[in-house]
Amino acid sequence: MSARKHPVKAGDEQLQLPFAFASKASRSNGAEPLAVRIPDAVRMTGIGRSKLYELIASGDLDAIKVGRCTLVPMESLRALLSNARVVPGRFIGG
């Protein structure tokens, strides 16, 4: 079996797909997002997905539900990380 070949239209060569970017949280105009989805918050902070949900459930991290989408405000992520206690000689997290 051979793969189907679709005819290329004139404007298709420059098609930019949304998943072609390195991070979904980045913006092409340089503006920082007000809130990010859980996978982006995991990538940005290095905190695991389950731990983020625990922090949301405990009230230590704010979350916004828009339909089925859970968003974490950037302000809340910054506050969480800036208020985190650093223990000398120990790893943070885990």
Protein backbone atom coordinates (compact mmCIF):
# COMPACT_ATOMS: atom_id res chain seq x y z
CA MET A 1 0.00 0.00 0.00
CA SER A 2 1.25 3.43 -0.77
CA ALA A 3 0.53 6.56 1.19
CA ARG A 4 -2.00 8.94 -0.24
CA LYS A 5 -0.67 12.15 -1.60
CA HIS A 6 -2.85 15.19 -1.22
CA PRO A 7 -2.47 18.05 -3.66
CA VAL A 8 -0.70 21.04 -2.12
CA LYS A 9 -2.67 24.25 -2.35
CA ALA A 10 -0.97 27.58 -2.95
CA GLY A 11 -1.11 28.81 0.69
CA ASP A 12 -0.48 25.47 2.45
CA GLU A 13 3.31 25.69 2.52
CA GLN A 14 3.27 28.31 5.30
CA LEU A 15 0.64 26.66 7.48
CA GLN A 16 1.50 27.15 11.18
CA LEU A 17 -0.08 24.53 13.40
CA PRO A 18 -0.75 25.42 17.06
CA PHE A 19 1.20 22.41 18.36
CA ALA A 20 4.32 23.36 16.43
CA PHE A 21 5.44 25.69 19.22
CA ALA A 22 7.78 24.54 22.02
CA SER A 23 5.45 25.69 24.81
CA LYS A 24 1.74 26.24 24.60
CA ALA A 25 2.08 28.95 27.26
CA SER A 26 4.31 31.15 25.13
CA ARG A 27 2.88 34.00 23.13
CA SER A 28 4.16 35.24 19.80
CA ASN A 29 3.77 38.88 20.86
CA GLY A 30 5.90 38.38 23.98
CA ALA A 31 3.00 38.91 26.40
CA GLU A 32 2.88 36.57 29.38
CA PRO A 33 -0.33 34.58 29.86
CA LEU A 34 -2.53 35.42 32.85
CA ALA A 35 -3.13 31.72 33.51
CA VAL A 36 -1.85 28.41 32.19
CA ARG A 37 -3.24 24.89 31.90
CA ILE A 38 -2.03 22.14 34.21
CA PRO A 39 0.49 20.61 31.74
CA ASP A 40 2.07 24.04 31.21
CA ALA A 41 2.20 24.67 34.98
CA VAL A 42 3.95 21.30 35.39
CA ARG A 43 6.55 22.21 32.73
CA MET A 44 7.09 25.72 34.09
CA THR A 45 7.51 24.79 37.75
CA GLY A 46 8.88 21.27 37.67
CA ILE A 47 6.18 20.23 40.16
CA GLY A 48 4.45 16.98 39.27
CA ARG A 49 0.88 16.85 37.98
CA SER A 50 -0.44 14.97 41.02
CA LYS A 51 1.28 17.38 43.41
CA LEU A 52 -0.26 20.37 41.59
CA TYR A 53 -3.71 18.86 42.01
CA GLU A 54 -2.95 18.25 45.72
CA LEU A 55 -1.92 21.91 46.12
CA ILE A 56 -5.15 23.00 44.42
CA ALA A 57 -7.25 20.73 46.65
CA SER A 58 -5.53 22.02 49.81
CA GLY A 59 -6.06 25.65 48.77
CA ASP A 60 -2.33 26.38 48.51
CA LEU A 61 -2.68 27.00 44.77
CA ASP A 62 -5.56 28.81 43.07
CA ALA A 63 -7.29 27.29 40.08
CA ILE A 64 -10.00 28.49 37.74
CA LYS A 65 -12.39 26.19 35.91
CA VAL A 66 -13.57 27.31 32.49
CA GLY A 67 -15.81 24.55 31.23
CA ARG A 68 -13.66 21.41 31.41
CA CYS A 69 -10.41 23.36 31.36
CA THR A 70 -8.49 23.96 34.60
CA LEU A 71 -6.34 27.10 34.58
CA VAL A 72 -3.75 28.09 37.16
CA PRO A 73 -3.15 31.85 37.47
CA MET A 74 0.50 32.85 36.98
CA GLU A 75 0.21 35.08 40.06
CA SER A 76 -0.72 32.04 42.15
CA LEU A 77 2.24 30.02 40.80
CA ARG A 78 4.62 32.87 41.62
CA ALA A 79 3.19 33.22 45.14
CA LEU A 80 3.50 29.48 45.76
CA LEU A 81 7.14 29.39 44.67
CA SER A 82 8.14 32.60 46.45
CA ASN A 83 6.55 31.42 49.73
CA ALA A 84 8.13 27.97 49.55
CA ARG A 85 10.52 27.24 52.38
CA VAL A 86 14.02 26.23 51.34
CA VAL A 87 15.61 23.63 53.59
CA PRO A 88 19.44 23.79 53.46
CA GLY A 89 21.02 20.57 52.24
CA ARG A 90 17.73 19.01 51.14
CA PHE A 91 15.98 18.69 47.83
CA ILE A 92 12.77 20.67 47.39
CA GLY A 93 9.69 18.61 46.57
CA GLY A 94 9.34 14.86 46.25
